[in-house]
Amino acid sequence: MSAAAPRRSAGRVLVVEDERDVAELLRYNLAKDGYDVVVAATGSDAVKQAHDVHPDVVLLDIMMPQLNGWEICRRLKQDAETRAIPVIMVTGRVEEGDKVLGFEVGADDYVTKPFSPRELLARIRAVARRGRLDPPGRKAQLKVAKPDSKEAAEVVFFHFGEGGGGGTQANIDRWFSQFQEPKEALKSKVEETTVNKHKVTFVQAQGTYMSGMPGAARTPQPNSMLLGAILESDSGNVFVRLTGPESLVKASQATFRKMIESAR
């Protein structure tokens, strides 16, 4: 009588979750579907395990000790060794702005608790498949600097694909919330227009910009300015944001607008 063939693993999943009951529930359902599961209970251990076991997918809770989920995701996506690993945020935070923040630091998908095990498994298969088919990296960053000056501004481009990145108003509110001043006290402006048959929303705000990762200590940057543009498209919205010292951003305003209006 021949021995049974060994079970073929569906893949390896790194579960980043500090609540033991939730971690065990995820482990049980994933193992039942044929996945090998590694659990990390702290943020620093999650980063280490991602390098050690190189999982096919990371399931990542936001509210983690030591490093929060946004910072974990940012580190994984900025590291050449781990940036191609798909990351699914699994969290009880349901605000659209939280989802956008997750996507902005590089998350590939977002599942809110309580979740359906069947839905979660389907999303794991989908992001793993996309990870094999799509080149990593949906974010680009550029620096804008004055000659003979230490001042610099940053331009960031995001494209999350169809249905990704959140709605226009949620992103406008999130950009405004990155300032120390309340929305009503900001020098702000929102303008909707059409560029080459695409709806474009331009956003402008001036005040004290709070730099740093959400959930961590943030540094106030007075006399700052933000220029943003949201280009709507059937293949997914494109988000462009320029932030930095007010004088430098103002000097770049015409160039920023020209760049957006040249989009096809």
Protein backbone atom coordinates (compact mmCIF):
# COMPACT_ATOMS: atom_id res chain seq x y z
CA MET A 1 0.00 0.00 0.00
CA SER A 2 1.55 3.28 -1.09
CA ALA A 3 1.93 6.15 1.36
CA ALA A 4 -0.30 9.18 0.95
CA ALA A 5 1.29 12.04 -0.95
CA PRO A 6 2.37 14.91 1.33
CA ARG A 7 -0.02 17.85 1.46
CA ARG A 8 1.05 20.69 -0.79
CA SER A 9 1.14 24.03 0.99
CA ALA A 10 -1.09 26.77 -0.41
CA GLY A 11 1.55 29.27 0.67
CA ARG A 12 2.94 30.95 3.77
CA VAL A 13 1.06 33.71 5.60
CA LEU A 14 2.53 35.99 8.26
CA VAL A 15 -0.22 36.98 10.73
CA VAL A 16 0.66 40.17 12.63
CA GLU A 17 -1.80 40.29 15.51
CA ASP A 18 -1.33 40.92 19.25
CA GLU A 19 -4.73 39.57 20.35
CA ARG A 20 -4.17 35.85 20.94
CA ASP A 21 -7.78 34.79 20.24
CA VAL A 22 -7.85 36.61 16.91
CA ALA A 23 -4.43 35.26 15.94
CA GLU A 24 -5.54 31.68 16.71
CA LEU A 25 -8.76 32.13 14.74
CA LEU A 26 -6.75 33.33 11.74
CA ARG A 27 -4.24 30.51 12.15
CA TYR A 28 -7.01 27.89 12.32
CA ASN A 29 -8.83 29.07 9.20
CA LEU A 30 -5.66 29.54 7.18
CA ALA A 31 -4.22 26.15 8.16
CA LYS A 32 -7.54 24.50 7.35
CA ASP A 33 -7.23 25.94 3.83
CA GLY A 34 -3.70 24.59 3.44
CA TYR A 35 -1.56 27.61 4.42
CA ASP A 36 1.54 27.54 6.60
CA VAL A 37 1.10 30.22 9.25
CA VAL A 38 3.63 32.28 11.19
CA VAL A 39 2.38 34.64 13.93
CA ALA A 40 4.07 37.84 15.11
CA ALA A 41 2.68 39.48 18.26
CA THR A 42 4.69 42.74 18.11
CA GLY A 43 5.59 45.22 15.41
CA SER A 44 9.33 44.66 15.61
CA ASP A 45 8.88 40.88 15.45
CA ALA A 46 6.68 41.31 12.37
CA VAL A 47 9.45 43.11 10.48
CA LYS A 48 11.97 40.46 11.55
CA GLN A 49 9.71 37.54 10.58
CA ALA A 50 8.99 39.09 7.19
CA HIS A 51 12.72 38.99 6.46
CA ASP A 52 13.26 35.55 8.01
CA VAL A 53 10.37 33.57 6.44
CA HIS A 54 9.54 35.77 3.40
CA PRO A 55 5.80 35.02 3.44
CA ASP A 56 3.53 35.03 0.41
CA VAL A 57 1.09 37.39 2.18
CA VAL A 58 1.13 39.48 5.38
CA LEU A 59 -2.09 39.94 7.39
CA LEU A 60 -1.46 43.07 9.42
CA ASP A 61 -3.36 44.59 12.33
CA ILE A 62 -2.94 48.36 12.75
CA MET A 63 -2.98 48.64 16.56
CA MET A 64 0.22 46.76 17.39
CA PRO A 65 2.71 47.25 20.25
CA GLN A 66 6.18 48.72 19.53
CA LEU A 67 5.39 49.61 15.89
CA ASN A 68 1.90 50.30 14.57
CA GLY A 69 0.64 48.63 11.41
CA TRP A 70 1.17 51.73 9.25
CA GLU A 71 4.84 51.90 10.23
CA ILE A 72 5.30 48.14 9.74
CA CYS A 73 3.80 48.35 6.26
CA ARG A 74 5.90 51.40 5.38
CA ARG A 75 9.10 49.61 6.41
CA LEU A 76 8.22 46.47 4.47
CA LYS A 77 7.36 48.41 1.32
CA GLN A 78 10.51 50.54 1.48
CA ASP A 79 12.80 47.51 1.85
CA ALA A 80 13.90 45.92 -1.45
CA GLU A 81 13.81 42.48 0.19
CA THR A 82 10.18 42.69 1.33
CA ARG A 83 8.46 45.32 -0.81
CA ALA A 84 6.92 42.76 -3.19
CA ILE A 85 5.14 40.88 -0.38
CA PRO A 86 1.40 41.69 -0.49
CA VAL A 87 0.04 43.24 2.71
CA ILE A 88 -3.60 43.04 3.82
CA MET A 89 -4.63 45.28 6.69
CA VAL A 90 -6.98 43.39 9.06
CA THR A 91 -8.37 45.83 11.62
CA GLY A 92 -11.36 47.12 13.53
CA ARG A 93 -10.77 50.68 12.29
CA VAL A 94 -13.53 51.35 9.76
CA GLU A 95 -13.06 55.04 8.87
CA GLU A 96 -12.36 55.58 5.17
CA GLY A 97 -9.47 57.86 6.08
CA ASP A 98 -7.81 54.96 7.94
CA LYS A 99 -8.16 52.79 4.86
CA VAL A 100 -6.60 55.48 2.70
CA LEU A 101 -3.67 55.79 5.12
CA GLY A 102 -3.12 52.07 4.84
CA PHE A 103 -3.13 52.21 1.06
CA GLU A 104 -0.86 55.24 1.12
CA VAL A 105 1.89 53.42 3.03
CA GLY A 106 1.64 50.54 0.57
CA ALA A 107 -1.08 48.13 1.75
CA ASP A 108 -2.57 45.99 -1.02
CA ASP A 109 -5.99 45.40 0.56
CA TYR A 110 -8.02 46.17 3.69
CA VAL A 111 -10.38 43.90 5.66
CA THR A 112 -12.37 45.14 8.68
CA LYS A 113 -13.23 43.10 11.78
CA PRO A 114 -15.45 41.17 12.19
CA PHE A 115 -14.59 39.46 8.93
CA SER A 116 -15.82 36.42 7.05
CA PRO A 117 -13.12 33.70 6.85
CA ARG A 118 -14.27 32.89 3.30
CA GLU A 119 -13.91 36.54 2.24
CA LEU A 120 -10.49 36.79 3.87
CA LEU A 121 -9.25 33.65 2.12
CA ALA A 122 -10.55 34.97 -1.21
CA ARG A 123 -8.70 38.26 -0.67
CA ILE A 124 -5.49 36.43 0.24
CA ARG A 125 -5.67 34.44 -3.00
CA ALA A 126 -6.41 37.62 -4.98
CA VAL A 127 -3.51 39.71 -3.60
CA ALA A 128 -1.11 36.77 -3.89
CA ARG A 129 -2.12 36.37 -7.52
CA ARG A 130 -1.73 40.10 -8.19
CA GLY A 131 1.66 40.00 -6.49
CA ARG A 132 2.80 37.36 -8.95
CA LEU A 133 1.40 39.20 -11.97
CA ASP A 134 2.00 42.87 -11.17
CA PRO A 135 5.33 44.60 -10.62
CA PRO A 136 5.57 46.02 -7.07
CA GLY A 137 5.34 49.70 -6.38
CA ARG A 138 2.40 52.01 -6.96
CA LYS A 139 4.03 54.97 -5.32
CA ALA A 140 6.63 57.42 -6.56
CA GLN A 141 8.36 60.21 -4.67
CA LEU A 142 10.32 63.23 -5.85
CA LYS A 143 12.15 65.98 -4.00
CA VAL A 144 11.87 69.65 -4.94
CA ALA A 145 14.69 71.84 -3.64
CA LYS A 146 15.95 75.40 -3.95
CA PRO A 147 19.47 75.86 -5.26
CA ASP A 148 21.88 76.77 -2.46
CA SER A 149 19.22 76.09 0.18
CA LYS A 150 18.44 73.32 2.65
CA GLU A 151 14.71 73.78 2.06
CA ALA A 152 13.01 70.90 0.24
CA ALA A 153 9.48 69.86 -0.64
CA GLU A 154 8.20 66.41 -1.48
CA VAL A 155 5.97 65.29 -4.35
CA VAL A 156 4.23 61.93 -3.92
CA PHE A 157 2.22 60.07 -6.58
CA PHE A 158 -0.18 57.22 -5.78
CA HIS A 159 -2.20 54.92 -8.00
CA PHE A 160 -4.06 52.08 -6.27
CA GLY A 161 -5.90 50.57 -9.22
CA GLU A 162 -9.63 50.35 -9.88
CA GLY A 163 -11.70 50.97 -6.76
CA GLY A 164 -8.65 51.64 -4.56
CA GLY A 165 -7.53 54.65 -2.58
CA GLY A 166 -10.86 55.83 -1.21
CA GLY A 167 -13.21 58.60 -2.30
CA THR A 168 -12.31 62.15 -3.24
CA GLN A 169 -13.82 63.81 -0.16
CA ALA A 170 -12.21 61.30 2.22
CA ASN A 171 -8.80 62.13 0.77
CA ILE A 172 -9.42 65.88 0.95
CA ASP A 173 -10.44 65.55 4.62
CA ARG A 174 -7.37 63.39 5.30
CA TRP A 175 -5.04 65.94 3.71
CA PHE A 176 -6.58 68.73 5.79
CA SER A 177 -6.30 66.58 8.95
CA GLN A 178 -2.51 66.42 8.48
CA PHE A 179 -2.34 70.04 9.65
CA GLN A 180 -2.28 71.09 13.29
CA GLU A 181 -4.97 73.71 12.79
CA PRO A 182 -8.62 72.66 12.54
CA LYS A 183 -10.05 72.61 9.02
CA GLU A 184 -11.99 75.84 9.63
CA ALA A 185 -8.78 77.73 10.57
CA LEU A 186 -6.73 76.59 7.57
CA LYS A 187 -6.11 78.75 4.55
CA SER A 188 -7.58 76.22 2.17
CA LYS A 189 -9.12 75.93 -1.28
CA VAL A 190 -10.78 73.12 -3.25
CA GLU A 191 -11.38 73.43 -6.97
CA GLU A 192 -13.03 70.94 -9.33
CA THR A 193 -12.26 71.05 -13.04
CA THR A 194 -11.98 68.81 -16.11
CA VAL A 195 -8.68 67.89 -17.74
CA ASN A 196 -8.75 65.88 -20.98
CA LYS A 197 -12.24 64.55 -20.11
CA HIS A 198 -11.14 63.50 -16.62
CA LYS A 199 -12.51 65.11 -13.47
CA VAL A 200 -9.69 66.66 -11.43
CA THR A 201 -9.95 68.08 -7.92
CA PHE A 202 -7.21 70.53 -6.89
CA VAL A 203 -6.62 71.02 -3.17
CA GLN A 204 -4.59 73.71 -1.41
CA ALA A 205 -3.90 74.24 2.31
CA GLN A 206 -1.50 76.40 4.35
CA GLY A 207 -0.66 76.08 8.03
CA THR A 208 1.36 73.93 10.44
CA TYR A 209 1.92 70.58 8.76
CA MET A 210 2.37 67.58 11.09
CA SER A 211 5.04 65.35 9.59
CA GLY A 212 5.50 61.74 10.63
CA MET A 213 3.64 58.44 10.58
CA PRO A 214 0.03 58.22 11.83
CA GLY A 215 -0.19 56.76 15.31
CA ALA A 216 3.37 57.84 16.14
CA ALA A 217 4.97 61.07 17.35
CA ARG A 218 4.62 63.80 14.73
CA THR A 219 6.67 66.94 14.23
CA PRO A 220 4.97 70.31 13.60
CA GLN A 221 6.27 72.15 10.54
CA PRO A 222 4.97 75.76 10.69
CA ASN A 223 4.55 77.89 7.56
CA SER A 224 3.94 74.83 5.41
CA MET A 225 1.79 74.36 2.33
CA LEU A 226 0.11 71.42 0.62
CA LEU A 227 -0.93 71.20 -3.00
CA GLY A 228 -2.95 68.16 -3.96
CA ALA A 229 -4.66 66.82 -7.06
CA ILE A 230 -7.02 63.88 -7.47
CA LEU A 231 -7.41 62.68 -11.06
CA GLU A 232 -10.44 60.42 -11.51
CA SER A 233 -10.17 57.54 -13.96
CA ASP A 234 -11.93 54.26 -14.80
CA SER A 235 -8.67 52.44 -14.08
CA GLY A 236 -8.43 53.98 -10.61
CA ASN A 237 -7.85 57.45 -9.22
CA VAL A 238 -4.40 59.03 -9.24
CA PHE A 239 -3.43 61.07 -6.18
CA VAL A 240 -0.64 63.67 -6.32
CA ARG A 241 0.51 65.63 -3.26
CA LEU A 242 3.19 68.30 -2.89
CA THR A 243 4.13 69.36 0.66
CA GLY A 244 6.89 71.55 2.06
CA PRO A 245 7.81 75.09 3.11
CA GLU A 246 5.19 77.59 1.99
CA SER A 247 7.62 79.74 -0.04
CA LEU A 248 8.98 76.76 -1.97
CA VAL A 249 5.58 75.17 -2.64
CA LYS A 250 4.13 78.51 -3.78
CA ALA A 251 7.06 78.92 -6.18
CA SER A 252 6.26 75.47 -7.60
CA GLN A 253 2.50 76.02 -7.85
CA ALA A 254 2.35 76.88 -11.56
CA THR A 255 4.62 73.95 -12.47
CA PHE A 256 2.51 71.58 -10.33
CA ARG A 257 -0.69 72.68 -12.07
CA LYS A 258 0.90 72.41 -15.51
CA MET A 259 2.07 68.87 -14.72
CA ILE A 260 -1.45 67.80 -13.70
CA GLU A 261 -3.08 69.46 -16.69
CA SER A 262 -0.72 67.63 -19.06
CA ALA A 263 -2.08 64.26 -17.89
CA ARG A 264 -3.68 62.04 -20.54
